[in-house]
Amino acid sequence: MSKVLKSKIRPLILPILHRWQHFYDFSRGRWREFTLRGAWQDFRDRRTALKRATPIIEDSSGIRFVLYPWDRKRLLYLYRHPHDVAEFAAIRRLVKPGDIAFDVGANIGTYSVLLGGLCGSAGRVWAFEPVPDTYWRLRETLVLNRSDNVIPLQRVVCERSGVARVNLFEPKYSEWNTLGNPSMVTERGYCISPSASVDVPSCTLDDFCGEERIERIHFIKIDVEGFELSVFQGAQRLLRQGLIDCICFEISKDPLKGAGIESKAVFDALAAHGYLAYRFNINMSRFEGPIYDTSEAWTNFFASRTDLSKTHPPLGTKQ
């Protein structure tokens, strides 16, 4: 009886056992290879890739940017923008859909993205950033935020068209790059100066607007580390004819000292064409002024031929 069963069952069982043995031997070999070589290689590759990864951060305003290694220690500053809160609030009141805006000294493009969103598809923003490495970061930021109405330009805006030499700080202090040679104090109290320089194309606002046939600038933000006066000197026609509606400009004492300029000269250059300066009080949600000079180490002001202190939020449509 057993021989009969074996003769009938064996042909059915043996092929299954053989296949199982083959599968077991094959899979055990592959598993050994995976665990001893493949898994280790995968682990190393993943660790290397993540170690080299450059993250993309979305800040508190919803603006995305690339966080490079030298930015990591300043992550919270870049995320919160504590020094830009009042400026962002003021700009949201001043810029409307369809406007033409300029960002002079755009750096990596935070203000450019903000302006692009406010101007909308019917408006246009020109963003000027002269330093090659920073200019490419500006373009990255614009792509990440799909700011297709912002046009990046690698140029210095100053009092003459041609070529200008920009003095460079190390990458993590790229916002201090300047035409001057200031001594700046880091967050740890160290004094540092520019360590390199680069020659880049330069233009005046008068020449640029003439070439591009731009008849009016509704809003312009200027942050050029102490050379704001040079920008105004290259915009004499625009200022004289009142073709710039509102100007946001920075007063920073250390860069001004490096440029050999007093802060009052910047205010006077605007006042000579009927532009008076105001500070935006975010707590009161209003502009205060006019202001003719400041002793503060660092502040942003807004200048216009219109009395901004009499405006009420929202400003409404332009006249």
Protein backbone atom coordinates (compact mmCIF):
# COMPACT_ATOMS: atom_id res chain seq x y z
CA MET A 1 0.00 0.00 0.00
CA SER A 2 2.80 2.41 0.91
CA LYS A 3 4.61 1.69 -2.35
CA VAL A 4 1.45 2.48 -4.28
CA LEU A 5 0.98 5.76 -2.42
CA LYS A 6 4.62 6.74 -2.89
CA SER A 7 4.48 6.01 -6.57
CA LYS A 8 1.45 8.25 -6.95
CA ILE A 9 2.34 11.05 -4.54
CA ARG A 10 6.07 11.36 -5.23
CA PRO A 11 5.63 12.68 -8.79
CA LEU A 12 3.40 15.39 -7.40
CA ILE A 13 5.46 16.36 -4.36
CA LEU A 14 9.02 16.21 -5.71
CA PRO A 15 8.65 19.03 -8.28
CA ILE A 16 7.23 21.27 -5.56
CA LEU A 17 10.07 20.41 -3.19
CA HIS A 18 12.66 21.02 -5.89
CA ARG A 19 11.19 24.40 -6.72
CA TRP A 20 11.07 25.32 -3.07
CA GLN A 21 14.69 24.28 -2.57
CA HIS A 22 15.73 26.32 -5.58
CA PHE A 23 13.80 29.34 -4.33
CA TYR A 24 15.21 28.96 -0.83
CA ASP A 25 18.80 28.71 -2.01
CA PHE A 26 18.39 31.60 -4.42
CA SER A 27 16.61 33.91 -1.97
CA ARG A 28 19.07 33.10 0.84
CA GLY A 29 21.94 34.05 -1.43
CA ARG A 30 20.24 37.22 -2.53
CA TRP A 31 19.32 38.11 1.05
CA ARG A 32 22.91 37.60 2.17
CA GLU A 33 24.07 39.85 -0.67
CA PHE A 34 21.43 42.43 0.22
CA THR A 35 22.17 42.47 3.91
CA LEU A 36 25.94 42.37 3.66
CA ARG A 37 26.54 44.49 0.61
CA GLY A 38 23.39 45.94 -0.90
CA ALA A 39 21.81 47.19 2.31
CA TRP A 40 25.05 48.76 3.49
CA GLN A 41 25.54 50.45 0.13
CA ASP A 42 21.95 51.69 0.20
CA PHE A 43 22.43 53.02 3.72
CA ARG A 44 25.63 54.83 2.80
CA ASP A 45 24.10 56.33 -0.34
CA ARG A 46 21.04 57.55 1.52
CA ARG A 47 23.17 59.06 4.29
CA THR A 48 25.42 60.77 1.75
CA ALA A 49 22.47 62.10 -0.24
CA LEU A 50 20.73 63.47 2.85
CA LYS A 51 23.95 64.95 4.16
CA ARG A 52 24.40 66.81 0.89
CA ALA A 53 20.73 67.77 0.60
CA THR A 54 19.85 71.45 0.41
CA PRO A 55 16.38 71.98 1.90
CA ILE A 56 13.69 74.30 0.61
CA ILE A 57 12.07 76.35 3.38
CA GLU A 58 8.74 78.18 3.38
CA ASP A 59 8.96 81.22 5.66
CA SER A 60 6.27 82.76 7.86
CA SER A 61 4.98 84.80 4.90
CA GLY A 62 4.64 81.75 2.68
CA ILE A 63 7.70 82.61 0.58
CA ARG A 64 9.85 79.62 -0.39
CA PHE A 65 13.65 79.81 -0.60
CA VAL A 66 16.66 77.50 -0.69
CA LEU A 67 18.41 77.12 2.67
CA TYR A 68 22.14 76.80 1.98
CA PRO A 69 24.56 75.44 4.61
CA TRP A 70 25.83 78.88 5.60
CA ASP A 71 22.22 79.99 6.24
CA ARG A 72 21.43 77.30 8.82
CA LYS A 73 22.52 79.31 11.84
CA ARG A 74 20.20 82.12 10.72
CA LEU A 75 17.24 79.85 10.01
CA LEU A 76 14.87 81.45 12.54
CA TYR A 77 15.77 84.93 11.31
CA LEU A 78 15.16 83.93 7.70
CA TYR A 79 11.92 82.20 8.67
CA ARG A 80 10.46 85.02 10.78
CA HIS A 81 11.86 88.16 9.06
CA PRO A 82 11.54 90.13 12.32
CA HIS A 83 13.01 93.31 10.81
CA ASP A 84 10.66 93.24 7.81
CA VAL A 85 7.27 92.92 9.52
CA ALA A 86 6.43 96.64 9.41
CA GLU A 87 7.79 97.02 5.88
CA PHE A 88 5.73 94.08 4.59
CA ALA A 89 2.59 95.54 6.18
CA ALA A 90 3.25 98.97 4.69
CA ILE A 91 4.01 97.60 1.23
CA ARG A 92 0.77 95.62 1.22
CA ARG A 93 -1.04 98.94 1.65
CA LEU A 94 0.91 100.76 -1.04
CA VAL A 95 1.15 98.28 -3.92
CA LYS A 96 -1.89 97.29 -5.98
CA PRO A 97 -2.61 94.85 -8.83
CA GLY A 98 -1.35 96.18 -12.13
CA ASP A 99 1.44 98.28 -10.58
CA ILE A 100 4.99 98.60 -11.90
CA ALA A 101 7.49 98.00 -9.10
CA PHE A 102 11.28 97.90 -8.78
CA ASP A 103 13.33 95.97 -6.22
CA VAL A 104 16.79 97.56 -6.20
CA GLY A 105 19.18 95.42 -4.18
CA ALA A 106 16.94 92.37 -4.34
CA ASN A 107 19.35 89.94 -2.62
CA ILE A 108 17.74 86.47 -2.69
CA GLY A 109 14.33 87.89 -3.64
CA THR A 110 12.06 87.96 -0.59
CA TYR A 111 10.74 91.44 -1.40
CA SER A 112 10.64 90.60 -5.11
CA VAL A 113 8.25 87.72 -4.46
CA LEU A 114 6.09 89.90 -2.21
CA LEU A 115 5.93 92.65 -4.84
CA GLY A 116 5.23 90.15 -7.59
CA GLY A 117 2.25 88.77 -5.69
CA LEU A 118 0.86 92.25 -5.00
CA CYS A 119 1.33 93.53 -8.57
CA GLY A 120 -0.37 90.43 -9.95
CA SER A 121 -0.43 89.14 -13.50
CA ALA A 122 -1.31 92.58 -14.86
CA GLY A 123 1.70 94.20 -13.19
CA ARG A 124 5.45 93.82 -13.49
CA VAL A 125 8.45 93.83 -11.15
CA TRP A 126 12.09 94.40 -12.07
CA ALA A 127 14.52 92.94 -9.50
CA PHE A 128 18.13 94.20 -9.58
CA GLU A 129 20.84 92.11 -7.91
CA PRO A 130 24.42 92.63 -9.14
CA VAL A 131 26.44 89.90 -7.36
CA PRO A 132 26.57 86.73 -9.53
CA ASP A 133 26.07 84.12 -6.77
CA THR A 134 23.28 86.12 -5.12
CA TYR A 135 21.68 86.80 -8.49
CA TRP A 136 21.37 83.05 -9.13
CA ARG A 137 19.82 82.60 -5.68
CA LEU A 138 17.36 85.34 -6.61
CA ARG A 139 16.39 83.38 -9.71
CA GLU A 140 15.98 80.21 -7.63
CA THR A 141 13.62 82.02 -5.26
CA LEU A 142 11.54 83.38 -8.12
CA VAL A 143 11.21 79.92 -9.68
CA LEU A 144 10.29 78.29 -6.35
CA ASN A 145 7.52 80.85 -5.86
CA ARG A 146 6.42 80.87 -9.52
CA SER A 147 6.91 84.62 -9.68
CA ASP A 148 6.74 84.81 -13.45
CA ASN A 149 5.90 88.53 -13.43
CA VAL A 150 9.28 89.36 -11.82
CA ILE A 151 12.21 90.04 -14.15
CA PRO A 152 15.65 89.48 -12.51
CA LEU A 153 18.55 91.63 -13.72
CA GLN A 154 22.21 91.33 -12.78
CA ARG A 155 23.03 95.02 -12.54
CA VAL A 156 24.13 97.69 -10.10
CA VAL A 157 21.76 100.65 -9.96
CA CYS A 158 23.71 103.82 -9.21
CA GLU A 159 24.51 107.30 -10.56
CA ARG A 160 26.10 106.18 -13.84
CA SER A 161 25.71 103.49 -16.46
CA GLY A 162 28.71 101.33 -17.30
CA VAL A 163 30.62 99.06 -14.93
CA ALA A 164 30.84 99.19 -11.14
CA ARG A 165 32.90 97.26 -8.60
CA VAL A 166 30.99 95.55 -5.80
CA ASN A 167 32.81 94.58 -2.62
CA LEU A 168 31.79 91.18 -1.27
CA PHE A 169 31.37 89.71 2.20
CA GLU A 170 31.38 85.98 2.84
CA PRO A 171 28.20 84.19 1.62
CA LYS A 172 26.28 84.21 4.91
CA TYR A 173 26.56 88.01 4.99
CA SER A 174 25.78 88.56 1.31
CA GLU A 175 23.11 91.14 2.19
CA TRP A 176 25.99 93.47 3.15
CA ASN A 177 27.65 93.41 -0.29
CA THR A 178 28.24 97.02 -1.26
CA LEU A 179 29.95 99.56 -3.48
CA GLY A 180 31.65 100.89 -0.36
CA ASN A 181 34.08 99.38 2.12
CA PRO A 182 32.32 99.35 5.50
CA SER A 183 33.24 97.53 8.69
CA MET A 184 30.17 95.59 9.84
CA VAL A 185 29.47 93.95 13.20
CA THR A 186 28.18 90.36 13.21
CA GLU A 187 25.59 88.94 15.60
CA ARG A 188 28.47 87.69 17.77
CA GLY A 189 30.09 91.11 17.94
CA TYR A 190 32.92 90.52 15.44
CA CYS A 191 33.90 93.28 13.03
CA ILE A 192 34.25 92.08 9.45
CA SER A 193 35.00 93.79 6.14
CA PRO A 194 34.59 92.77 2.50
CA SER A 195 36.98 90.00 1.47
CA ALA A 196 36.64 90.09 -2.35
CA SER A 197 35.22 92.17 -5.18
CA VAL A 198 33.60 91.74 -8.58
CA ASP A 199 32.97 94.07 -11.53
CA VAL A 200 29.39 94.06 -12.79
CA PRO A 201 27.28 96.12 -15.25
CA SER A 202 25.71 99.26 -13.84
CA CYS A 203 22.82 101.48 -14.92
CA THR A 204 20.84 104.50 -13.79
CA LEU A 205 17.11 104.40 -13.27
CA ASP A 206 16.70 107.22 -15.79
CA ASP A 207 18.59 105.30 -18.48
CA PHE A 208 16.91 101.98 -17.71
CA CYS A 209 13.39 103.38 -17.78
CA GLY A 210 14.19 105.19 -21.02
CA GLU A 211 15.49 102.01 -22.64
CA GLU A 212 12.53 99.90 -21.42
CA ARG A 213 9.98 102.68 -22.12
CA ILE A 214 8.73 102.59 -18.54
CA GLU A 215 6.75 105.78 -18.03
CA ARG A 216 6.00 105.45 -14.31
CA ILE A 217 7.20 103.44 -11.32
CA HIS A 218 4.41 102.98 -8.80
CA PHE A 219 6.65 101.58 -6.08
CA ILE A 220 10.36 101.08 -5.64
CA LYS A 221 12.22 99.42 -2.77
CA ILE A 222 15.90 100.39 -2.44
CA ASP A 223 18.36 98.52 -0.23
CA VAL A 224 21.88 99.11 -1.52
CA GLU A 225 23.92 99.25 1.69
CA GLY A 226 24.67 102.94 2.00
CA PHE A 227 24.46 103.95 -1.68
CA GLU A 228 20.81 104.99 -1.77
CA LEU A 229 21.95 108.52 -2.62
CA SER A 230 23.71 107.17 -5.74
CA VAL A 231 20.43 105.59 -6.86
CA PHE A 232 18.61 108.92 -6.45
CA GLN A 233 21.36 110.77 -8.31
CA GLY A 234 20.77 108.43 -11.24
CA ALA A 235 17.01 109.07 -11.15
CA GLN A 236 16.96 112.86 -11.42
CA ARG A 237 14.51 112.95 -14.33
CA LEU A 238 12.12 110.49 -12.71
CA LEU A 239 12.19 112.33 -9.40
CA ARG A 240 11.98 115.80 -10.92
CA GLN A 241 8.91 114.83 -12.94
CA GLY A 242 7.31 112.93 -10.08
CA LEU A 243 7.26 109.66 -12.03
CA ILE A 244 7.91 107.51 -8.94
CA ASP A 245 4.85 107.30 -6.70
CA CYS A 246 6.40 105.78 -3.57
CA ILE A 247 9.94 104.92 -2.48
CA CYS A 248 10.98 102.54 0.31
CA PHE A 249 14.60 103.18 1.23
CA GLU A 250 16.94 102.01 3.96
CA ILE A 251 19.04 104.13 6.28
CA SER A 252 21.84 102.07 7.84
CA LYS A 253 24.57 104.00 9.58
CA ASP A 254 27.52 101.60 9.16
CA PRO A 255 27.11 101.20 5.37
CA LEU A 256 26.56 104.97 5.05
CA LYS A 257 29.79 105.52 6.94
CA GLY A 258 31.55 103.12 4.56
CA ALA A 259 30.17 105.17 1.66
CA GLY A 260 31.22 108.47 3.24
CA ILE A 261 27.63 109.78 3.29
CA GLU A 262 25.52 111.38 6.03
CA SER A 263 21.95 110.18 6.40
CA LYS A 264 20.55 113.70 6.03
CA ALA A 265 21.96 113.91 2.51
CA VAL A 266 19.68 111.02 1.50
CA PHE A 267 16.59 112.76 2.89
CA ASP A 268 17.62 116.08 1.32
CA ALA A 269 18.07 114.49 -2.11
CA LEU A 270 14.45 113.37 -2.04
CA ALA A 271 13.09 116.56 -0.47
CA ALA A 272 14.69 118.58 -3.27
CA HIS A 273 12.13 116.98 -5.61
CA GLY A 274 9.16 117.20 -3.27
CA TYR A 275 9.45 113.72 -1.75
CA LEU A 276 9.02 113.63 2.02
CA ALA A 277 9.85 110.61 4.17
CA TYR A 278 7.61 108.75 6.61
CA ARG A 279 7.99 105.85 9.01
CA PHE A 280 5.31 103.16 9.21
CA ASN A 281 4.07 102.51 12.75
CA ILE A 282 2.82 98.94 12.63
CA ASN A 283 1.19 99.16 16.07
CA MET A 284 -0.93 102.12 14.99
CA SER A 285 -1.13 100.92 11.38
CA ARG A 286 -0.29 104.34 10.00
CA PHE A 287 2.52 106.40 8.49
CA GLU A 288 4.17 109.00 10.73
CA GLY A 289 6.07 112.06 9.58
CA PRO A 290 7.38 113.77 7.60
CA ILE A 291 10.86 112.91 8.83
CA TYR A 292 13.93 114.83 7.69
CA ASP A 293 16.75 112.81 9.31
CA THR A 294 17.33 110.04 11.83
CA SER A 295 19.89 109.03 14.43
CA GLU A 296 18.78 105.40 14.41
CA ALA A 297 21.35 102.77 13.45
CA TRP A 298 19.01 101.10 11.00
CA THR A 299 15.50 101.93 9.72
CA ASN A 300 13.41 101.77 6.56
CA PHE A 301 11.47 104.83 5.43
CA PHE A 302 8.79 105.50 2.83
CA ALA A 303 8.94 108.63 0.68
CA SER A 304 6.27 110.14 -1.52
CA ARG A 305 5.01 113.44 -2.89
CA THR A 306 1.70 112.48 -1.29
CA ASP A 307 1.29 113.05 2.44
CA LEU A 308 1.30 109.44 3.60
CA SER A 309 0.39 110.43 7.16
CA LYS A 310 -3.10 111.37 5.95
CA THR A 311 -3.79 108.04 4.31
CA HIS A 312 -6.01 105.46 5.93
CA PRO A 313 -5.96 101.70 5.37
CA PRO A 314 -6.63 100.61 2.74
CA LEU A 315 -5.27 103.39 0.56
CA GLY A 316 -7.75 102.58 -2.19
CA THR A 317 -7.22 103.10 -5.89
CA LYS A 318 -4.55 105.42 -7.23
CA GLN A 319 -5.57 108.78 -8.57
